[in-house]
Amino acid sequence: MRWARCNVKSVSLLANVLAKQQARDRGAFEALFVRDGYVVEGTTSNVAVVRDRVLITPPEGPLLLSGVTRKVVLTVAQQAGVAVKEEPLTEADLYTSDEVLLTGTTIEVLPVARINGRPIGAGAPGPVTCLVMDRFKRILA
């Protein structure tokens, strides 16, 4: 199991590896960790939602490893005129959001079309996610 200080980078991530494998076995790309009813992070990613053109992500703290990509995405979103909030997210927030996206070093910015088979928003990458993806790719170019 993950330990209490998820914000400390560690090479002992067996729980993450097993959760990701279980997700893959079920046809999913990623597994999200939920603690005390709140979505905190993916096995190798950070999560964010878009609601009413506001990008919302769980706050930094001991329950998640705040990735470098997450920080860059929040910055480029703000620079593009997207409001950004850090607040706890529930599983219900994921299903009722306009958009959901994952961020991480290997995936960069990845739109989420479905969670547990349920479509998110229109079931396709939304405008804020596409804007953030474009701005992020410009930095890498």
C-alpha atoms as a PDB file:
ATOM      1  CA  MET A   1       0.000   0.000   0.000  1.00  0.00           C
ATOM      2  CA  ARG A   2       1.023   3.601  -0.497  1.00  0.00           C
ATOM      3  CA  TRP A   3       2.343   5.177   2.644  1.00  0.00           C
ATOM      4  CA  ALA A   4       1.251   8.383   4.354  1.00  0.00           C
ATOM      5  CA  ARG A   5       3.825  10.660   2.690  1.00  0.00           C
ATOM      6  CA  CYS A   6       2.998  10.344  -1.015  1.00  0.00           C
ATOM      7  CA  ASN A   7       4.660  13.708  -1.664  1.00  0.00           C
ATOM      8  CA  VAL A   8       8.072  12.127  -1.049  1.00  0.00           C
ATOM      9  CA  LYS A   9       9.474  10.603  -4.233  1.00  0.00           C
ATOM     10  CA  SER A  10      10.433   6.994  -3.646  1.00  0.00           C
ATOM     11  CA  VAL A  11      11.591   4.045  -5.714  1.00  0.00           C
ATOM     12  CA  SER A  12       9.380   1.758  -3.644  1.00  0.00           C
ATOM     13  CA  LEU A  13       6.204   2.081  -5.684  1.00  0.00           C
ATOM     14  CA  LEU A  14       4.998  -1.510  -5.847  1.00  0.00           C
ATOM     15  CA  ALA A  15       1.417  -0.453  -5.053  1.00  0.00           C
ATOM     16  CA  ASN A  16       1.481   1.913  -8.023  1.00  0.00           C
ATOM     17  CA  VAL A  17       2.817  -0.768 -10.363  1.00  0.00           C
ATOM     18  CA  LEU A  18       0.179  -3.264  -9.236  1.00  0.00           C
ATOM     19  CA  ALA A  19      -2.644  -0.719  -9.531  1.00  0.00           C
ATOM     20  CA  LYS A  20      -1.518   0.272 -13.033  1.00  0.00           C
ATOM     21  CA  GLN A  21      -1.341  -3.379 -14.081  1.00  0.00           C
ATOM     22  CA  GLN A  22      -4.825  -4.014 -12.712  1.00  0.00           C
ATOM     23  CA  ALA A  23      -6.109  -1.000 -14.680  1.00  0.00           C
ATOM     24  CA  ARG A  24      -4.439  -2.284 -17.855  1.00  0.00           C
ATOM     25  CA  ASP A  25      -5.925  -5.748 -17.293  1.00  0.00           C
ATOM     26  CA  ARG A  26      -9.348  -4.070 -17.258  1.00  0.00           C
ATOM     27  CA  GLY A  27      -8.694  -2.122 -20.451  1.00  0.00           C
ATOM     28  CA  ALA A  28      -7.844   1.219 -18.837  1.00  0.00           C
ATOM     29  CA  PHE A  29      -4.749   3.335 -19.317  1.00  0.00           C
ATOM     30  CA  GLU A  30      -4.387   4.554 -15.722  1.00  0.00           C
ATOM     31  CA  ALA A  31      -5.655   3.910 -12.204  1.00  0.00           C
ATOM     32  CA  LEU A  32      -6.531   6.787  -9.916  1.00  0.00           C
ATOM     33  CA  PHE A  33      -5.964   6.648  -6.184  1.00  0.00           C
ATOM     34  CA  VAL A  34      -8.848   7.697  -3.953  1.00  0.00           C
ATOM     35  CA  ARG A  35      -8.242   8.363  -0.281  1.00  0.00           C
ATOM     36  CA  ASP A  36     -11.041   9.151   2.177  1.00  0.00           C
ATOM     37  CA  GLY A  37     -13.367   9.853  -0.752  1.00  0.00           C
ATOM     38  CA  TYR A  38     -11.001  12.204  -2.569  1.00  0.00           C
ATOM     39  CA  VAL A  39      -9.119  11.583  -5.807  1.00  0.00           C
ATOM     40  CA  VAL A  40      -5.463  12.356  -5.153  1.00  0.00           C
ATOM     41  CA  GLU A  41      -3.372  11.157  -8.111  1.00  0.00           C
ATOM     42  CA  GLY A  42      -2.800   8.440 -10.669  1.00  0.00           C
ATOM     43  CA  THR A  43      -0.204   5.703 -10.473  1.00  0.00           C
ATOM     44  CA  THR A  44       2.178   7.757 -12.621  1.00  0.00           C
ATOM     45  CA  SER A  45       0.230  10.955 -13.144  1.00  0.00           C
ATOM     46  CA  ASN A  46      -1.494  13.921 -11.602  1.00  0.00           C
ATOM     47  CA  VAL A  47      -5.163  14.544 -12.331  1.00  0.00           C
ATOM     48  CA  ALA A  48      -7.144  17.691 -13.071  1.00  0.00           C
ATOM     49  CA  VAL A  49     -10.665  18.510 -14.152  1.00  0.00           C
ATOM     50  CA  VAL A  50     -12.182  21.407 -16.049  1.00  0.00           C
ATOM     51  CA  ARG A  51     -15.473  22.805 -14.872  1.00  0.00           C
ATOM     52  CA  ASP A  52     -16.890  25.982 -16.423  1.00  0.00           C
ATOM     53  CA  ARG A  53     -13.473  26.648 -18.068  1.00  0.00           C
ATOM     54  CA  VAL A  54     -11.710  26.512 -14.665  1.00  0.00           C
ATOM     55  CA  LEU A  55      -8.853  24.003 -14.318  1.00  0.00           C
ATOM     56  CA  ILE A  56      -9.103  22.315 -10.914  1.00  0.00           C
ATOM     57  CA  THR A  57      -6.524  19.962  -9.426  1.00  0.00           C
ATOM     58  CA  PRO A  58      -6.052  18.467  -5.965  1.00  0.00           C
ATOM     59  CA  PRO A  59      -3.915  20.679  -3.713  1.00  0.00           C
ATOM     60  CA  GLU A  60      -0.287  19.907  -3.028  1.00  0.00           C
ATOM     61  CA  GLY A  61       0.309  18.087   0.221  1.00  0.00           C
ATOM     62  CA  PRO A  62       1.340  14.775   1.714  1.00  0.00           C
ATOM     63  CA  LEU A  63      -1.241  12.791  -0.276  1.00  0.00           C
ATOM     64  CA  LEU A  64       0.210  13.379  -3.730  1.00  0.00           C
ATOM     65  CA  LEU A  65       3.514  13.712  -5.492  1.00  0.00           C
ATOM     66  CA  SER A  66       3.228  17.084  -7.182  1.00  0.00           C
ATOM     67  CA  GLY A  67       4.914  16.528 -10.505  1.00  0.00           C
ATOM     68  CA  VAL A  68       7.009  18.970 -12.479  1.00  0.00           C
ATOM     69  CA  THR A  69       4.654  18.565 -15.441  1.00  0.00           C
ATOM     70  CA  ARG A  70       1.683  19.421 -13.212  1.00  0.00           C
ATOM     71  CA  LYS A  71       3.354  22.646 -12.159  1.00  0.00           C
ATOM     72  CA  VAL A  72       4.193  23.605 -15.749  1.00  0.00           C
ATOM     73  CA  VAL A  73       0.638  22.828 -16.888  1.00  0.00           C
ATOM     74  CA  LEU A  74      -0.840  25.041 -14.166  1.00  0.00           C
ATOM     75  CA  THR A  75       1.485  27.862 -15.212  1.00  0.00           C
ATOM     76  CA  VAL A  76       0.758  27.584 -18.946  1.00  0.00           C
ATOM     77  CA  ALA A  77      -2.969  27.375 -18.249  1.00  0.00           C
ATOM     78  CA  GLN A  78      -2.839  30.611 -16.264  1.00  0.00           C
ATOM     79  CA  GLN A  79      -0.727  32.270 -18.959  1.00  0.00           C
ATOM     80  CA  ALA A  80      -3.371  31.249 -21.518  1.00  0.00           C
ATOM     81  CA  GLY A  81      -6.073  32.946 -19.449  1.00  0.00           C
ATOM     82  CA  VAL A  82      -7.500  29.806 -17.859  1.00  0.00           C
ATOM     83  CA  ALA A  83      -8.430  30.179 -14.203  1.00  0.00           C
ATOM     84  CA  VAL A  84      -6.716  27.598 -11.989  1.00  0.00           C
ATOM     85  CA  LYS A  85      -7.854  26.314  -8.599  1.00  0.00           C
ATOM     86  CA  GLU A  86      -6.353  23.785  -6.237  1.00  0.00           C
ATOM     87  CA  GLU A  87      -9.104  22.040  -4.294  1.00  0.00           C
ATOM     88  CA  PRO A  88     -10.026  18.491  -3.336  1.00  0.00           C
ATOM     89  CA  LEU A  89     -11.795  16.427  -5.992  1.00  0.00           C
ATOM     90  CA  THR A  90     -14.276  13.626  -5.383  1.00  0.00           C
ATOM     91  CA  GLU A  91     -15.009  10.755  -7.730  1.00  0.00           C
ATOM     92  CA  ALA A  92     -18.327  12.466  -8.512  1.00  0.00           C
ATOM     93  CA  ASP A  93     -16.385  15.575  -9.583  1.00  0.00           C
ATOM     94  CA  LEU A  94     -14.645  13.500 -12.248  1.00  0.00           C
ATOM     95  CA  TYR A  95     -17.905  12.229 -13.720  1.00  0.00           C
ATOM     96  CA  THR A  96     -19.642  15.619 -13.673  1.00  0.00           C
ATOM     97  CA  SER A  97     -16.759  17.710 -15.009  1.00  0.00           C
ATOM     98  CA  ASP A  98     -16.636  19.104 -18.522  1.00  0.00           C
ATOM     99  CA  GLU A  99     -13.137  17.694 -19.029  1.00  0.00           C
ATOM    100  CA  VAL A 100     -10.609  15.504 -17.206  1.00  0.00           C
ATOM    101  CA  LEU A 101      -6.903  15.400 -17.953  1.00  0.00           C
ATOM    102  CA  LEU A 102      -3.815  13.675 -16.651  1.00  0.00           C
ATOM    103  CA  THR A 103      -0.327  15.149 -16.507  1.00  0.00           C
ATOM    104  CA  GLY A 104       3.005  13.424 -16.187  1.00  0.00           C
ATOM    105  CA  THR A 105       6.531  13.311 -17.505  1.00  0.00           C
ATOM    106  CA  THR A 106       5.930  10.451 -19.927  1.00  0.00           C
ATOM    107  CA  ILE A 107       2.362  11.318 -20.945  1.00  0.00           C
ATOM    108  CA  GLU A 108       2.754  15.122 -20.853  1.00  0.00           C
ATOM    109  CA  VAL A 109      -0.917  16.240 -21.034  1.00  0.00           C
ATOM    110  CA  LEU A 110      -3.392  13.447 -21.716  1.00  0.00           C
ATOM    111  CA  PRO A 111      -7.139  14.010 -22.157  1.00  0.00           C
ATOM    112  CA  VAL A 112      -9.443  11.494 -20.489  1.00  0.00           C
ATOM    113  CA  ALA A 113     -12.481  10.535 -22.563  1.00  0.00           C
ATOM    114  CA  ARG A 114     -13.929   7.867 -20.241  1.00  0.00           C
ATOM    115  CA  ILE A 115     -13.645   6.743 -16.651  1.00  0.00           C
ATOM    116  CA  ASN A 116     -14.923   3.275 -15.792  1.00  0.00           C
ATOM    117  CA  GLY A 117     -16.666   3.220 -19.169  1.00  0.00           C
ATOM    118  CA  ARG A 118     -18.560   6.465 -18.534  1.00  0.00           C
ATOM    119  CA  PRO A 119     -17.926   9.340 -20.954  1.00  0.00           C
ATOM    120  CA  ILE A 120     -16.471  12.545 -19.564  1.00  0.00           C
ATOM    121  CA  GLY A 121     -18.129  15.625 -21.027  1.00  0.00           C
ATOM    122  CA  ALA A 122     -18.585  15.003 -24.756  1.00  0.00           C
ATOM    123  CA  GLY A 123     -16.357  11.922 -24.565  1.00  0.00           C
ATOM    124  CA  ALA A 124     -13.586  13.692 -26.485  1.00  0.00           C
ATOM    125  CA  PRO A 125     -10.784  16.139 -25.620  1.00  0.00           C
ATOM    126  CA  GLY A 126     -12.296  19.453 -24.575  1.00  0.00           C
ATOM    127  CA  PRO A 127     -11.225  22.985 -25.501  1.00  0.00           C
ATOM    128  CA  VAL A 128      -9.305  23.763 -22.302  1.00  0.00           C
ATOM    129  CA  THR A 129      -7.406  20.477 -22.439  1.00  0.00           C
ATOM    130  CA  CYS A 130      -6.560  21.079 -26.112  1.00  0.00           C
ATOM    131  CA  LEU A 131      -5.394  24.617 -25.337  1.00  0.00           C
ATOM    132  CA  VAL A 132      -3.191  23.427 -22.474  1.00  0.00           C
ATOM    133  CA  MET A 133      -1.794  20.575 -24.592  1.00  0.00           C
ATOM    134  CA  ASP A 134      -0.914  23.015 -27.374  1.00  0.00           C
ATOM    135  CA  ARG A 135       0.770  25.487 -25.016  1.00  0.00           C
ATOM    136  CA  PHE A 136       2.675  22.695 -23.276  1.00  0.00           C
ATOM    137  CA  LYS A 137       3.941  21.314 -26.608  1.00  0.00           C
ATOM    138  CA  ARG A 138       5.141  24.783 -27.605  1.00  0.00           C
ATOM    139  CA  ILE A 139       7.376  24.836 -24.540  1.00  0.00           C
ATOM    140  CA  LEU A 140       8.901  21.508 -25.553  1.00  0.00           C
ATOM    141  CA  ALA A 141       9.469  22.555 -29.165  1.00  0.00           C
END
